[in-house]
Amino acid sequence: MKIYLLGLLIGLSSFGVQAKKDSSCDEVVFMHSFLSSAQFTCGFRGYNEELIVDAAQCAKKMSSKESDATIKEGIEKFNDRVEMDGKKETCKAVLEKFPSVVRK
């Protein structure tokens, strides 16, 4: 999971997302909520099952309050990008940065 997570973190850094120190589960749940928002907003059909499983396992390790806040943060970050760059450009960037997670 570490190499997979590293690739996702590098992709998210291009969206201005800063990694939290020593919080890989926070990052996995954040990425899942960010990319799930992209999937539904952009109409992507494919989504990597590994990230779904990892996010679910991580959410179980977090408190409900903590996981809810992290999910909300990921959704808000995606929505902020759509507001800043527009839906078309944001969706295009997500496809380019995360080809191993989302597909048209």
PDB file of N, CA and C in Angstrom:
ATOM      1  N   MET A   1       0.825  -1.196   0.000  1.00  0.00           N
ATOM      2  CA  MET A   1       0.000   0.000   0.000  1.00  0.00           C
ATOM      3  C   MET A   1       0.870   1.261   0.000  1.00  0.00           C
ATOM      4  N   LYS A   2       2.100   1.188   0.528  1.00  0.00           N
ATOM      5  CA  LYS A   2       2.933   2.385   0.630  1.00  0.00           C
ATOM      6  C   LYS A   2       3.272   2.988  -0.724  1.00  0.00           C
ATOM      7  N   ILE A   3       3.629   2.170  -1.712  1.00  0.00           N
ATOM      8  CA  ILE A   3       3.965   2.691  -3.039  1.00  0.00           C
ATOM      9  C   ILE A   3       2.719   3.275  -3.691  1.00  0.00           C
ATOM     10  N   TYR A   4       1.620   2.576  -3.552  1.00  0.00           N
ATOM     11  CA  TYR A   4       0.341   3.048  -4.082  1.00  0.00           C
ATOM     12  C   TYR A   4      -0.018   4.396  -3.462  1.00  0.00           C
ATOM     13  N   LEU A   5       0.127   4.489  -2.149  1.00  0.00           N
ATOM     14  CA  LEU A   5      -0.176   5.732  -1.424  1.00  0.00           C
ATOM     15  C   LEU A   5       0.748   6.851  -1.876  1.00  0.00           C
ATOM     16  N   LEU A   6       2.021   6.561  -2.057  1.00  0.00           N
ATOM     17  CA  LEU A   6       2.972   7.573  -2.505  1.00  0.00           C
ATOM     18  C   LEU A   6       2.561   8.152  -3.850  1.00  0.00           C
ATOM     19  N   GLY A   7       2.153   7.295  -4.780  1.00  0.00           N
ATOM     20  CA  GLY A   7       1.701   7.767  -6.090  1.00  0.00           C
ATOM     21  C   GLY A   7       0.486   8.666  -5.977  1.00  0.00           C
ATOM     22  N   LEU A   8      -0.442   8.296  -5.111  1.00  0.00           N
ATOM     23  CA  LEU A   8      -1.636   9.125  -4.926  1.00  0.00           C
ATOM     24  C   LEU A   8      -1.289  10.464  -4.285  1.00  0.00           C
ATOM     25  N   LEU A   9      -0.371  10.442  -3.321  1.00  0.00           N
ATOM     26  CA  LEU A   9       0.029  11.694  -2.665  1.00  0.00           C
ATOM     27  C   LEU A   9       0.718  12.639  -3.637  1.00  0.00           C
ATOM     28  N   ILE A  10       1.526  12.093  -4.504  1.00  0.00           N
ATOM     29  CA  ILE A  10       2.191  12.928  -5.515  1.00  0.00           C
ATOM     30  C   ILE A  10       1.141  13.555  -6.423  1.00  0.00           C
ATOM     31  N   GLY A  11       0.157  12.763  -6.830  1.00  0.00           N
ATOM     32  CA  GLY A  11      -0.919  13.297  -7.667  1.00  0.00           C
ATOM     33  C   GLY A  11      -1.706  14.379  -6.952  1.00  0.00           C
ATOM     34  N   LEU A  12      -2.035  14.155  -5.687  1.00  0.00           N
ATOM     35  CA  LEU A  12      -2.806  15.152  -4.950  1.00  0.00           C
ATOM     36  C   LEU A  12      -2.012  16.429  -4.704  1.00  0.00           C
ATOM     37  N   SER A  13      -0.694  16.302  -4.592  1.00  0.00           N
ATOM     38  CA  SER A  13       0.107  17.509  -4.366  1.00  0.00           C
ATOM     39  C   SER A  13      -0.043  18.493  -5.523  1.00  0.00           C
ATOM     40  N   SER A  14      -0.319  17.987  -6.712  1.00  0.00           N
ATOM     41  CA  SER A  14      -0.523  18.872  -7.858  1.00  0.00           C
ATOM     42  C   SER A  14      -1.831  19.653  -7.744  1.00  0.00           C
ATOM     43  N   PHE A  15      -2.714  19.209  -6.846  1.00  0.00           N
ATOM     44  CA  PHE A  15      -3.969  19.920  -6.586  1.00  0.00           C
ATOM     45  C   PHE A  15      -3.848  20.809  -5.354  1.00  0.00           C
ATOM     46  N   GLY A  16      -2.631  20.973  -4.837  1.00  0.00           N
ATOM     47  CA  GLY A  16      -2.419  21.835  -3.688  1.00  0.00           C
ATOM     48  C   GLY A  16      -2.750  21.180  -2.361  1.00  0.00           C
ATOM     49  N   VAL A  17      -2.808  19.866  -2.332  1.00  0.00           N
ATOM     50  CA  VAL A  17      -3.111  19.145  -1.097  1.00  0.00           C
ATOM     51  C   VAL A  17      -1.805  18.804  -0.404  1.00  0.00           C
ATOM     52  N   GLN A  18      -1.669  19.224   0.827  1.00  0.00           N
ATOM     53  CA  GLN A  18      -0.477  18.936   1.617  1.00  0.00           C
ATOM     54  C   GLN A  18      -0.699  17.678   2.439  1.00  0.00           C
ATOM     55  N   ALA A  19       0.275  16.781   2.427  1.00  0.00           N
ATOM     56  CA  ALA A  19       0.177  15.555   3.223  1.00  0.00           C
ATOM     57  C   ALA A  19       0.285  15.900   4.705  1.00  0.00           C
ATOM     58  N   LYS A  20      -0.496  15.208   5.507  1.00  0.00           N
ATOM     59  CA  LYS A  20      -0.431  15.365   6.950  1.00  0.00           C
ATOM     60  C   LYS A  20       0.651  14.431   7.463  1.00  0.00           C
ATOM     61  N   LYS A  21       1.455  14.868   8.403  1.00  0.00           N
ATOM     62  CA  LYS A  21       2.534  14.018   8.870  1.00  0.00           C
ATOM     63  C   LYS A  21       1.998  12.832   9.672  1.00  0.00           C
ATOM     64  N   ASP A  22       2.575  11.667   9.410  1.00  0.00           N
ATOM     65  CA  ASP A  22       2.253  10.429  10.121  1.00  0.00           C
ATOM     66  C   ASP A  22       0.766  10.120  10.163  1.00  0.00           C
ATOM     67  N   SER A  23       0.087  10.279   9.062  1.00  0.00           N
ATOM     68  CA  SER A  23      -1.352  10.021   9.072  1.00  0.00           C
ATOM     69  C   SER A  23      -1.793   9.360   7.772  1.00  0.00           C
ATOM     70  N   SER A  24      -1.191   8.245   7.448  1.00  0.00           N
ATOM     71  CA  SER A  24      -1.504   7.623   6.157  1.00  0.00           C
ATOM     72  C   SER A  24      -2.974   7.249   6.035  1.00  0.00           C
ATOM     73  N   CYS A  25      -3.636   6.849   7.122  1.00  0.00           N
ATOM     74  CA  CYS A  25      -5.061   6.538   7.020  1.00  0.00           C
ATOM     75  C   CYS A  25      -5.873   7.797   6.732  1.00  0.00           C
ATOM     76  N   ASP A  26      -5.517   8.904   7.354  1.00  0.00           N
ATOM     77  CA  ASP A  26      -6.183  10.167   7.033  1.00  0.00           C
ATOM     78  C   ASP A  26      -6.051  10.471   5.550  1.00  0.00           C
ATOM     79  N   GLU A  27      -4.858  10.246   5.014  1.00  0.00           N
ATOM     80  CA  GLU A  27      -4.596  10.552   3.620  1.00  0.00           C
ATOM     81  C   GLU A  27      -5.381   9.628   2.682  1.00  0.00           C
ATOM     82  N   VAL A  28      -5.481   8.361   3.042  1.00  0.00           N
ATOM     83  CA  VAL A  28      -6.226   7.417   2.203  1.00  0.00           C
ATOM     84  C   VAL A  28      -7.702   7.790   2.176  1.00  0.00           C
ATOM     85  N   VAL A  29      -8.268   8.087   3.330  1.00  0.00           N
ATOM     86  CA  VAL A  29      -9.685   8.462   3.398  1.00  0.00           C
ATOM     87  C   VAL A  29      -9.914   9.787   2.669  1.00  0.00           C
ATOM     88  N   PHE A  30      -8.998  10.736   2.839  1.00  0.00           N
ATOM     89  CA  PHE A  30      -9.085  12.024   2.144  1.00  0.00           C
ATOM     90  C   PHE A  30      -9.062  11.802   0.630  1.00  0.00           C
ATOM     91  N   MET A  31      -8.094  11.006   0.172  1.00  0.00           N
ATOM     92  CA  MET A  31      -7.974  10.765  -1.270  1.00  0.00           C
ATOM     93  C   MET A  31      -9.217  10.089  -1.821  1.00  0.00           C
ATOM     94  N   HIS A  32      -9.732   9.130  -1.072  1.00  0.00           N
ATOM     95  CA  HIS A  32     -10.932   8.438  -1.529  1.00  0.00           C
ATOM     96  C   HIS A  32     -12.103   9.410  -1.659  1.00  0.00           C
ATOM     97  N   SER A  33     -12.278  10.289  -0.688  1.00  0.00           N
ATOM     98  CA  SER A  33     -13.405  11.234  -0.778  1.00  0.00           C
ATOM     99  C   SER A  33     -13.184  12.244  -1.899  1.00  0.00           C
ATOM    100  N   PHE A  34     -11.963  12.709  -2.080  1.00  0.00           N
ATOM    101  CA  PHE A  34     -11.624  13.635  -3.162  1.00  0.00           C
ATOM    102  C   PHE A  34     -11.906  12.993  -4.520  1.00  0.00           C
ATOM    103  N   LEU A  35     -11.398  11.762  -4.704  1.00  0.00           N
ATOM    104  CA  LEU A  35     -11.529  11.093  -5.994  1.00  0.00           C
ATOM    105  C   LEU A  35     -12.931  10.535  -6.221  1.00  0.00           C
ATOM    106  N   SER A  36     -13.641  10.176  -5.162  1.00  0.00           N
ATOM    107  CA  SER A  36     -15.042   9.760  -5.309  1.00  0.00           C
ATOM    108  C   SER A  36     -15.889  10.939  -5.775  1.00  0.00           C
ATOM    109  N   SER A  37     -15.598  12.111  -5.233  1.00  0.00           N
ATOM    110  CA  SER A  37     -16.294  13.320  -5.686  1.00  0.00           C
ATOM    111  C   SER A  37     -16.043  13.544  -7.169  1.00  0.00           C
ATOM    112  N   ALA A  38     -14.791  13.340  -7.571  1.00  0.00           N
ATOM    113  CA  ALA A  38     -14.453  13.470  -8.994  1.00  0.00           C
ATOM    114  C   ALA A  38     -15.209  12.444  -9.829  1.00  0.00           C
ATOM    115  N   GLN A  39     -15.281  11.213  -9.336  1.00  0.00           N
ATOM    116  CA  GLN A  39     -15.968  10.167 -10.083  1.00  0.00           C
ATOM    117  C   GLN A  39     -17.418  10.563 -10.363  1.00  0.00           C
ATOM    118  N   PHE A  40     -18.115  11.023  -9.358  1.00  0.00           N
ATOM    119  CA  PHE A  40     -19.528  11.350  -9.534  1.00  0.00           C
ATOM    120  C   PHE A  40     -19.736  12.662 -10.285  1.00  0.00           C
ATOM    121  N   THR A  41     -18.935  13.662  -9.982  1.00  0.00           N
ATOM    122  CA  THR A  41     -19.081  14.955 -10.644  1.00  0.00           C
ATOM    123  C   THR A  41     -18.702  14.877 -12.122  1.00  0.00           C
ATOM    124  N   CYS A  42     -17.651  14.127 -12.405  1.00  0.00           N
ATOM    125  CA  CYS A  42     -17.128  14.059 -13.769  1.00  0.00           C
ATOM    126  C   CYS A  42     -17.746  12.930 -14.586  1.00  0.00           C
ATOM    127  N   GLY A  43     -18.492  12.069 -13.954  1.00  0.00           N
ATOM    128  CA  GLY A  43     -19.125  10.970 -14.664  1.00  0.00           C
ATOM    129  C   GLY A  43     -18.171   9.842 -15.026  1.00  0.00           C
ATOM    130  N   PHE A  44     -17.091   9.674 -14.249  1.00  0.00           N
ATOM    131  CA  PHE A  44     -16.168   8.576 -14.511  1.00  0.00           C
ATOM    132  C   PHE A  44     -16.858   7.255 -14.176  1.00  0.00           C
ATOM    133  N   ARG A  45     -16.606   6.249 -14.985  1.00  0.00           N
ATOM    134  CA  ARG A  45     -17.237   4.945 -14.759  1.00  0.00           C
ATOM    135  C   ARG A  45     -16.347   4.020 -13.950  1.00  0.00           C
ATOM    136  N   GLY A  46     -15.055   4.082 -14.186  1.00  0.00           N
ATOM    137  CA  GLY A  46     -14.137   3.192 -13.493  1.00  0.00           C
ATOM    138  C   GLY A  46     -13.572   3.814 -12.234  1.00  0.00           C
ATOM    139  N   TYR A  47     -13.374   2.988 -11.214  1.00  0.00           N
ATOM    140  CA  TYR A  47     -12.777   3.449  -9.960  1.00  0.00           C
ATOM    141  C   TYR A  47     -12.031   2.263  -9.361  1.00  0.00           C
ATOM    142  N   ASN A  48     -10.815   2.473  -8.929  1.00  0.00           N
ATOM    143  CA  ASN A  48      -9.960   1.413  -8.419  1.00  0.00           C
ATOM    144  C   ASN A  48     -10.512   0.837  -7.113  1.00  0.00           C
ATOM    145  N   GLU A  49     -10.799  -0.438  -7.147  1.00  0.00           N
ATOM    146  CA  GLU A  49     -11.365  -1.140  -5.985  1.00  0.00           C
ATOM    147  C   GLU A  49     -10.405  -1.135  -4.795  1.00  0.00           C
ATOM    148  N   GLU A  50      -9.104  -1.146  -5.063  1.00  0.00           N
ATOM    149  CA  GLU A  50      -8.104  -1.162  -3.989  1.00  0.00           C
ATOM    150  C   GLU A  50      -8.228   0.067  -3.089  1.00  0.00           C
ATOM    151  N   LEU A  51      -8.464   1.216  -3.667  1.00  0.00           N
ATOM    152  CA  LEU A  51      -8.605   2.427  -2.871  1.00  0.00           C
ATOM    153  C   LEU A  51      -9.882   2.376  -2.026  1.00  0.00           C
ATOM    154  N   ILE A  52     -10.931   1.808  -2.560  1.00  0.00           N
ATOM    155  CA  ILE A  52     -12.179   1.679  -1.803  1.00  0.00           C
ATOM    156  C   ILE A  52     -11.951   0.792  -0.575  1.00  0.00           C
ATOM    157  N   VAL A  53     -11.299  -0.338  -0.779  1.00  0.00           N
ATOM    158  CA  VAL A  53     -11.026  -1.270   0.323  1.00  0.00           C
ATOM    159  C   VAL A  53     -10.105  -0.620   1.353  1.00  0.00           C
ATOM    160  N   ASP A  54      -9.030   0.018   0.885  1.00  0.00           N
ATOM    161  CA  ASP A  54      -8.092   0.670   1.800  1.00  0.00           C
ATOM    162  C   ASP A  54      -8.771   1.770   2.603  1.00  0.00           C
ATOM    163  N   ALA A  55      -9.608   2.559   1.955  1.00  0.00           N
ATOM    164  CA  ALA A  55     -10.295   3.651   2.648  1.00  0.00           C
ATOM    165  C   ALA A  55     -11.269   3.107   3.694  1.00  0.00           C
ATOM    166  N   ALA A  56     -11.958   2.034   3.370  1.00  0.00           N
ATOM    167  CA  ALA A  56     -12.894   1.436   4.327  1.00  0.00           C
ATOM    168  C   ALA A  56     -12.149   0.889   5.536  1.00  0.00           C
ATOM    169  N   GLN A  57     -11.026   0.232   5.311  1.00  0.00           N
ATOM    170  CA  GLN A  57     -10.225  -0.284   6.422  1.00  0.00           C
ATOM    171  C   GLN A  57      -9.685   0.849   7.279  1.00  0.00           C
ATOM    172  N   CYS A  58      -9.238   1.894   6.634  1.00  0.00           N
ATOM    173  CA  CYS A  58      -8.701   3.037   7.369  1.00  0.00           C
ATOM    174  C   CYS A  58      -9.794   3.754   8.169  1.00  0.00           C
ATOM    175  N   ALA A  59     -10.952   3.908   7.576  1.00  0.00           N
ATOM    176  CA  ALA A  59     -12.047   4.593   8.271  1.00  0.00           C
ATOM    177  C   ALA A  59     -12.418   3.851   9.553  1.00  0.00           C
ATOM    178  N   LYS A  60     -12.310   2.532   9.542  1.00  0.00           N
ATOM    179  CA  LYS A  60     -12.604   1.732  10.738  1.00  0.00           C
ATOM    180  C   LYS A  60     -11.602   1.998  11.857  1.00  0.00           C
ATOM    181  N   LYS A  61     -10.372   2.373  11.490  1.00  0.00           N
ATOM    182  CA  LYS A  61      -9.321   2.656  12.477  1.00  0.00           C
ATOM    183  C   LYS A  61      -9.458   4.054  13.074  1.00  0.00           C
ATOM    184  N   MET A  62     -10.230   4.904  12.424  1.00  0.00           N
ATOM    185  CA  MET A  62     -10.405   6.289  12.861  1.00  0.00           C
ATOM    186  C   MET A  62     -11.701   6.403  13.651  1.00  0.00           C
ATOM    187  N   SER A  63     -11.790   7.442  14.463  1.00  0.00           N
ATOM    188  CA  SER A  63     -13.065   7.688  15.133  1.00  0.00           C
ATOM    189  C   SER A  63     -14.066   8.162  14.080  1.00  0.00           C
ATOM    190  N   SER A  64     -15.335   8.010  14.386  1.00  0.00           N
ATOM    191  CA  SER A  64     -16.380   8.438  13.457  1.00  0.00           C
ATOM    192  C   SER A  64     -16.256   9.932  13.166  1.00  0.00           C
ATOM    193  N   LYS A  65     -15.997  10.704  14.190  1.00  0.00           N
ATOM    194  CA  LYS A  65     -15.858  12.154  14.033  1.00  0.00           C
ATOM    195  C   LYS A  65     -14.669  12.490  13.127  1.00  0.00           C
ATOM    196  N   GLU A  66     -13.567  11.785  13.346  1.00  0.00           N
ATOM    197  CA  GLU A  66     -12.347  12.012  12.569  1.00  0.00           C
ATOM    198  C   GLU A  66     -12.549  11.626  11.096  1.00  0.00           C
ATOM    199  N   SER A  67     -13.145  10.463  10.858  1.00  0.00           N
ATOM    200  CA  SER A  67     -13.343  10.029   9.470  1.00  0.00           C
ATOM    201  C   SER A  67     -14.347  10.932   8.749  1.00  0.00           C
ATOM    202  N   ASP A  68     -15.416  11.327   9.448  1.00  0.00           N
ATOM    203  CA  ASP A  68     -16.393  12.239   8.839  1.00  0.00           C
ATOM    204  C   ASP A  68     -15.749  13.564   8.448  1.00  0.00           C
ATOM    205  N   ALA A  69     -14.897  14.097   9.322  1.00  0.00           N
ATOM    206  CA  ALA A  69     -14.221  15.370   9.036  1.00  0.00           C
ATOM    207  C   ALA A  69     -13.267  15.232   7.852  1.00  0.00           C
ATOM    208  N   THR A  70     -12.572  14.110   7.781  1.00  0.00           N
ATOM    209  CA  THR A  70     -11.621  13.879   6.689  1.00  0.00           C
ATOM    210  C   THR A  70     -12.354  13.723   5.361  1.00  0.00           C
ATOM    211  N   ILE A  71     -13.468  13.009   5.377  1.00  0.00           N
ATOM    212  CA  ILE A  71     -14.286  12.849   4.168  1.00  0.00           C
ATOM    213  C   ILE A  71     -14.796  14.206   3.697  1.00  0.00           C
ATOM    214  N   LYS A  72     -15.302  14.985   4.630  1.00  0.00           N
ATOM    215  CA  LYS A  72     -15.815  16.318   4.294  1.00  0.00           C
ATOM    216  C   LYS A  72     -14.709  17.193   3.701  1.00  0.00           C
ATOM    217  N   GLU A  73     -13.516  17.100   4.260  1.00  0.00           N
ATOM    218  CA  GLU A  73     -12.372  17.881   3.778  1.00  0.00           C
ATOM    219  C   GLU A  73     -12.020  17.513   2.337  1.00  0.00           C
ATOM    220  N   GLY A  74     -12.035  16.214   2.021  1.00  0.00           N
ATOM    221  CA  GLY A  74     -11.724  15.775   0.654  1.00  0.00           C
ATOM    222  C   GLY A  74     -12.751  16.260  -0.349  1.00  0.00           C
ATOM    223  N   ILE A  75     -14.019  16.175   0.029  1.00  0.00           N
ATOM    224  CA  ILE A  75     -15.097  16.640  -0.845  1.00  0.00           C
ATOM    225  C   ILE A  75     -14.983  18.141  -1.071  1.00  0.00           C
ATOM    226  N   GLU A  76     -14.742  18.882   0.009  1.00  0.00           N
ATOM    227  CA  GLU A  76     -14.613  20.343  -0.103  1.00  0.00           C
ATOM    228  C   GLU A  76     -13.422  20.735  -0.958  1.00  0.00           C
ATOM    229  N   LYS A  77     -12.311  20.011  -0.832  1.00  0.00           N
ATOM    230  CA  LYS A  77     -11.127  20.324  -1.630  1.00  0.00           C
ATOM    231  C   LYS A  77     -11.430  20.115  -3.117  1.00  0.00           C
ATOM    232  N   PHE A  78     -12.118  19.034  -3.453  1.00  0.00           N
ATOM    233  CA  PHE A  78     -12.479  18.816  -4.850  1.00  0.00           C
ATOM    234  C   PHE A  78     -13.406  19.925  -5.340  1.00  0.00           C
ATOM    235  N   ASN A  79     -14.423  20.246  -4.561  1.00  0.00           N
ATOM    236  CA  ASN A  79     -15.368  21.302  -4.951  1.00  0.00           C
ATOM    237  C   ASN A  79     -14.676  22.652  -5.100  1.00  0.00           C
ATOM    238  N   ASP A  80     -13.694  22.929  -4.250  1.00  0.00           N
ATOM    239  CA  ASP A  80     -12.913  24.171  -4.367  1.00  0.00           C
ATOM    240  C   ASP A  80     -12.167  24.219  -5.697  1.00  0.00           C
ATOM    241  N   ARG A  81     -11.614  23.067  -6.098  1.00  0.00           N
ATOM    242  CA  ARG A  81     -10.888  23.017  -7.379  1.00  0.00           C
ATOM    243  C   ARG A  81     -11.835  23.240  -8.559  1.00  0.00           C
ATOM    244  N   VAL A  82     -13.028  22.676  -8.481  1.00  0.00           N
ATOM    245  CA  VAL A  82     -14.012  22.879  -9.546  1.00  0.00           C
ATOM    246  C   VAL A  82     -14.381  24.358  -9.614  1.00  0.00           C
ATOM    247  N   GLU A  83     -14.552  24.970  -8.460  1.00  0.00           N
ATOM    248  CA  GLU A  83     -14.902  26.389  -8.422  1.00  0.00           C
ATOM    249  C   GLU A  83     -13.775  27.260  -8.984  1.00  0.00           C
ATOM    250  N   MET A  84     -12.532  26.898  -8.669  1.00  0.00           N
ATOM    251  CA  MET A  84     -11.379  27.677  -9.140  1.00  0.00           C
ATOM    252  C   MET A  84     -11.088  27.460 -10.626  1.00  0.00           C
ATOM    253  N   ASP A  85     -11.057  26.192 -11.049  1.00  0.00           N
ATOM    254  CA  ASP A  85     -10.589  25.858 -12.395  1.00  0.00           C
ATOM    255  C   ASP A  85     -11.697  25.471 -13.369  1.00  0.00           C
ATOM    256  N   GLY A  86     -12.893  25.268 -12.866  1.00  0.00           N
ATOM    257  CA  GLY A  86     -13.994  24.812 -13.706  1.00  0.00           C
ATOM    258  C   GLY A  86     -14.067  23.292 -13.723  1.00  0.00           C
ATOM    259  N   LYS A  87     -15.251  22.795 -13.965  1.00  0.00           N
ATOM    260  CA  LYS A  87     -15.486  21.350 -13.947  1.00  0.00           C
ATOM    261  C   LYS A  87     -14.669  20.622 -15.017  1.00  0.00           C
ATOM    262  N   LYS A  88     -14.700  21.130 -16.236  1.00  0.00           N
ATOM    263  CA  LYS A  88     -14.013  20.471 -17.347  1.00  0.00           C
ATOM    264  C   LYS A  88     -12.513  20.331 -17.081  1.00  0.00           C
ATOM    265  N   GLU A  89     -11.882  21.410 -16.658  1.00  0.00           N
ATOM    266  CA  GLU A  89     -10.429  21.384 -16.407  1.00  0.00           C
ATOM    267  C   GLU A  89     -10.080  20.510 -15.210  1.00  0.00           C
ATOM    268  N   THR A  90     -10.890  20.566 -14.171  1.00  0.00           N
ATOM    269  CA  THR A  90     -10.623  19.750 -12.986  1.00  0.00           C
ATOM    270  C   THR A  90     -10.758  18.273 -13.315  1.00  0.00           C
ATOM    271  N   CYS A  91     -11.795  17.911 -14.030  1.00  0.00           N
ATOM    272  CA  CYS A  91     -11.997  16.507 -14.407  1.00  0.00           C
ATOM    273  C   CYS A  91     -10.858  16.016 -15.297  1.00  0.00           C
ATOM    274  N   LYS A  92     -10.434  16.841 -16.222  1.00  0.00           N
ATOM    275  CA  LYS A  92      -9.316  16.489 -17.099  1.00  0.00           C
ATOM    276  C   LYS A  92      -8.042  16.269 -16.286  1.00  0.00           C
ATOM    277  N   ALA A  93      -7.794  17.148 -15.322  1.00  0.00           N
ATOM    278  CA  ALA A  93      -6.596  17.029 -14.483  1.00  0.00           C
ATOM    279  C   ALA A  93      -6.635  15.766 -13.624  1.00  0.00           C
ATOM    280  N   VAL A  94      -7.810  15.438 -13.092  1.00  0.00           N
ATOM    281  CA  VAL A  94      -7.935  14.223 -12.283  1.00  0.00           C
ATOM    282  C   VAL A  94      -7.633  12.993 -13.135  1.00  0.00           C
ATOM    283  N   LEU A  95      -8.165  12.937 -14.350  1.00  0.00           N
ATOM    284  CA  LEU A  95      -7.880  11.805 -15.240  1.00  0.00           C
ATOM    285  C   LEU A  95      -6.391  11.684 -15.542  1.00  0.00           C
ATOM    286  N   GLU A  96      -5.736  12.825 -15.729  1.00  0.00           N
ATOM    287  CA  GLU A  96      -4.305  12.810 -16.040  1.00  0.00           C
ATOM    288  C   GLU A  96      -3.463  12.404 -14.836  1.00  0.00           C
ATOM    289  N   LYS A  97      -3.832  12.871 -13.653  1.00  0.00           N
ATOM    290  CA  LYS A  97      -3.029  12.631 -12.445  1.00  0.00           C
ATOM    291  C   LYS A  97      -3.310  11.289 -11.784  1.00  0.00           C
ATOM    292  N   PHE A  98      -4.483  10.728 -12.002  1.00  0.00           N
ATOM    293  CA  PHE A  98      -4.888   9.505 -11.309  1.00  0.00           C
ATOM    294  C   PHE A  98      -5.425   8.428 -12.260  1.00  0.00           C
ATOM    295  N   PRO A  99      -4.661   8.085 -13.303  1.00  0.00           N
ATOM    296  CA  PRO A  99      -5.155   7.095 -14.258  1.00  0.00           C
ATOM    297  C   PRO A  99      -5.299   5.695 -13.657  1.00  0.00           C
ATOM    298  N   SER A 100      -4.620   5.455 -12.548  1.00  0.00           N
ATOM    299  CA  SER A 100      -4.734   4.132 -11.910  1.00  0.00           C
ATOM    300  C   SER A 100      -5.939   4.050 -10.971  1.00  0.00           C
ATOM    301  N   VAL A 101      -6.627   5.172 -10.780  1.00  0.00           N
ATOM    302  CA  VAL A 101      -7.786   5.198  -9.866  1.00  0.00           C
ATOM    303  C   VAL A 101      -9.089   5.401 -10.613  1.00  0.00           C
ATOM    304  N   VAL A 102      -9.156   6.413 -11.473  1.00  0.00           N
ATOM    305  CA  VAL A 102     -10.407   6.724 -12.179  1.00  0.00           C
ATOM    306  C   VAL A 102     -10.240   6.550 -13.691  1.00  0.00           C
ATOM    307  N   ARG A 103     -11.337   6.157 -14.328  1.00  0.00           N
ATOM    308  CA  ARG A 103     -11.346   5.982 -15.777  1.00  0.00           C
ATOM    309  C   ARG A 103     -12.673   6.471 -16.316  1.00  0.00           C
ATOM    310  N   LYS A 104     -12.656   6.920 -17.565  1.00  0.00           N
ATOM    311  CA  LYS A 104     -13.894   7.351 -18.241  1.00  0.00           C
ATOM    312  C   LYS A 104     -14.739   6.166 -18.585  1.00  0.00           C
TER     313      LYS A 104
END
